[in-house]
C-alpha atoms as a PDB file:
ATOM      1  CA  MET A   1       0.274   0.283   0.292  1.00  0.00           C
ATOM      2  CA  THR A   2       1.480   3.242  -0.790  1.00  0.00           C
ATOM      3  CA  ASP A   3       1.587   6.482   1.302  1.00  0.00           C
ATOM      4  CA  SER A   4      -1.571   8.064  -1.019  1.00  0.00           C
ATOM      5  CA  GLU A   5      -3.215   4.981  -0.585  1.00  0.00           C
ATOM      6  CA  VAL A   6      -2.874   5.380   3.663  1.00  0.00           C
ATOM      7  CA  SER A   7      -3.620   8.973   3.065  1.00  0.00           C
ATOM      8  CA  LYS A   8      -7.076   8.049   1.152  1.00  0.00           C
ATOM      9  CA  GLN A   9      -8.289   5.111   3.828  1.00  0.00           C
ATOM     10  CA  ASP A  10      -6.897   7.254   6.534  1.00  0.00           C
ATOM     11  CA  TYR A  11      -8.652  10.484   6.525  1.00  0.00           C
ATOM     12  CA  ASN A  12     -11.800   9.748   4.292  1.00  0.00           C
ATOM     13  CA  ILE A  13     -10.664  11.802   1.318  1.00  0.00           C
ATOM     14  CA  ASP A  14     -12.983  12.199  -1.557  1.00  0.00           C
ATOM     15  CA  PHE A  15     -10.266  13.045  -3.987  1.00  0.00           C
ATOM     16  CA  GLU A  16     -13.041  12.725  -7.633  1.00  0.00           C
ATOM     17  CA  ARG A  17     -14.889  15.255  -5.603  1.00  0.00           C
ATOM     18  CA  ILE A  18     -11.917  17.962  -5.291  1.00  0.00           C
ATOM     19  CA  LYS A  19     -11.158  16.922  -8.948  1.00  0.00           C
ATOM     20  CA  GLU A  20     -15.193  17.917  -9.940  1.00  0.00           C
ATOM     21  CA  LEU A  21     -14.441  21.574  -7.734  1.00  0.00           C
ATOM     22  CA  ILE A  22     -12.013  22.161  -9.344  1.00  0.00           C
ATOM     23  CA  SER A  23     -13.080  21.918 -12.835  1.00  0.00           C
ATOM     24  CA  LYS A  24     -16.652  23.399 -11.818  1.00  0.00           C
ATOM     25  CA  TYR A  25     -14.480  26.492 -10.802  1.00  0.00           C
ATOM     26  CA  GLU A  26     -12.176  26.348 -13.754  1.00  0.00           C
ATOM     27  CA  GLU A  27     -15.646  26.773 -16.012  1.00  0.00           C
ATOM     28  CA  ILE A  28     -17.332  29.084 -13.736  1.00  0.00           C
ATOM     29  CA  LYS A  29     -14.411  31.376 -14.219  1.00  0.00           C
ATOM     30  CA  ARG A  30     -13.337  30.827 -18.264  1.00  0.00           C
ATOM     31  CA  SER A  31     -17.614  31.690 -18.597  1.00  0.00           C
ATOM     32  CA  GLY A  32     -17.237  35.245 -16.394  1.00  0.00           C
ATOM     33  CA  GLU A  33     -19.890  33.737 -13.947  1.00  0.00           C
ATOM     34  CA  ILE A  34     -17.240  34.155 -11.481  1.00  0.00           C
ATOM     35  CA  LYS A  35     -18.134  37.511 -11.156  1.00  0.00           C
ATOM     36  CA  ARG A  36     -21.627  36.538  -9.649  1.00  0.00           C
ATOM     37  CA  TYR A  37     -20.261  35.367  -7.341  1.00  0.00           C
ATOM     38  CA  ASN A  38     -19.720  37.027  -3.785  1.00  0.00           C
ATOM     39  CA  GLU A  39     -19.000  35.438   0.174  1.00  0.00           C
ATOM     40  CA  GLU A  40     -22.489  33.592   0.539  1.00  0.00           C
ATOM     41  CA  SER A  41     -22.445  31.776  -2.373  1.00  0.00           C
ATOM     42  CA  THR A  42     -18.232  31.018  -2.858  1.00  0.00           C
ATOM     43  CA  LYS A  43     -18.948  28.997   0.613  1.00  0.00           C
ATOM     44  CA  LYS A  44     -21.593  26.916  -0.675  1.00  0.00           C
ATOM     45  CA  ASP A  45     -20.919  26.300  -4.175  1.00  0.00           C
ATOM     46  CA  PHE A  46     -17.358  25.706  -3.125  1.00  0.00           C
ATOM     47  CA  ILE A  47     -15.930  25.836   0.324  1.00  0.00           C
ATOM     48  CA  LEU A  48     -18.162  23.428   2.467  1.00  0.00           C
ATOM     49  CA  PRO A  49     -17.981  20.962  -0.466  1.00  0.00           C
ATOM     50  CA  LEU A  50     -14.335  21.646  -0.256  1.00  0.00           C
ATOM     51  CA  PHE A  51     -14.530  20.861   3.254  1.00  0.00           C
ATOM     52  CA  GLU A  52     -16.874  17.568   2.810  1.00  0.00           C
ATOM     53  CA  ALA A  53     -15.093  15.864   0.547  1.00  0.00           C
ATOM     54  CA  LEU A  54     -12.025  16.603   2.860  1.00  0.00           C
ATOM     55  CA  GLY A  55     -13.142  14.301   5.270  1.00  0.00           C
ATOM     56  CA  TRP A  56     -14.959  17.141   7.664  1.00  0.00           C
ATOM     57  CA  ASN A  57     -18.526  17.322   8.792  1.00  0.00           C
ATOM     58  CA  VAL A  58     -19.387  21.007   7.757  1.00  0.00           C
ATOM     59  CA  TYR A  59     -23.464  20.588   8.813  1.00  0.00           C
ATOM     60  CA  SER A  60     -22.984  19.249  12.029  1.00  0.00           C
ATOM     61  CA  VAL A  61     -24.265  21.395  14.762  1.00  0.00           C
ATOM     62  CA  THR A  62     -23.771  19.868  17.678  1.00  0.00           C
ATOM     63  CA  GLU A  63     -19.170  19.459  17.055  1.00  0.00           C
ATOM     64  CA  LYS A  64     -16.639  22.373  18.279  1.00  0.00           C
ATOM     65  CA  LYS A  65     -15.968  25.311  16.536  1.00  0.00           C
ATOM     66  CA  TYR A  66     -12.721  25.909  16.561  1.00  0.00           C
ATOM     67  CA  SER A  67     -11.068  29.415  15.987  1.00  0.00           C
ATOM     68  CA  MET A  68      -7.955  29.808  13.554  1.00  0.00           C
ATOM     69  CA  LYS A  69      -5.645  29.450  16.170  1.00  0.00           C
ATOM     70  CA  ASP A  70      -6.237  25.852  16.599  1.00  0.00           C
ATOM     71  CA  ARG A  71      -5.685  25.008  13.346  1.00  0.00           C
ATOM     72  CA  LYS A  72      -3.507  22.386  12.492  1.00  0.00           C
ATOM     73  CA  PRO A  73      -1.662  21.916   8.893  1.00  0.00           C
ATOM     74  CA  LEU A  74      -2.581  19.619   6.060  1.00  0.00           C
ATOM     75  CA  LEU A  75      -1.524  19.061   3.613  1.00  0.00           C
ATOM     76  CA  ILE A  76      -2.335  16.302   0.444  1.00  0.00           C
ATOM     77  CA  ASN A  77      -0.208  15.115  -1.672  1.00  0.00           C
ATOM     78  CA  ASP A  78      -2.294  13.081  -4.979  1.00  0.00           C
ATOM     79  CA  ASP A  79      -0.022  12.269  -7.525  1.00  0.00           C
ATOM     80  CA  GLU A  80      -2.447  14.428  -9.949  1.00  0.00           C
ATOM     81  CA  TYR A  81      -2.921  17.126  -7.160  1.00  0.00           C
ATOM     82  CA  SER A  82      -0.884  18.920  -4.033  1.00  0.00           C
ATOM     83  CA  ILE A  83      -3.532  20.796  -1.441  1.00  0.00           C
ATOM     84  CA  GLY A  84      -2.085  22.358   1.817  1.00  0.00           C
ATOM     85  CA  PHE A  85      -2.951  24.548   4.344  1.00  0.00           C
ATOM     86  CA  GLY A  86      -0.580  25.429   7.656  1.00  0.00           C
END
């Protein structure tokens, strides 16, 4: 089992959904529709689905709310994509 397979299994990351979101963003940007996006529509169409694809339960009201100071580094490396927060 490769490191990439372990990461996908351990963290329940949906790489296909992330690729779909990237494609959707690229199409919206190419079409010029990106100009109609505000904070709320960006959150609804991209940010929440991204966090959900990363395995977060974004719709739970019972989970602890974290502030930016509580945030831990996250690095995702796939053959095609590399995403990092830190």
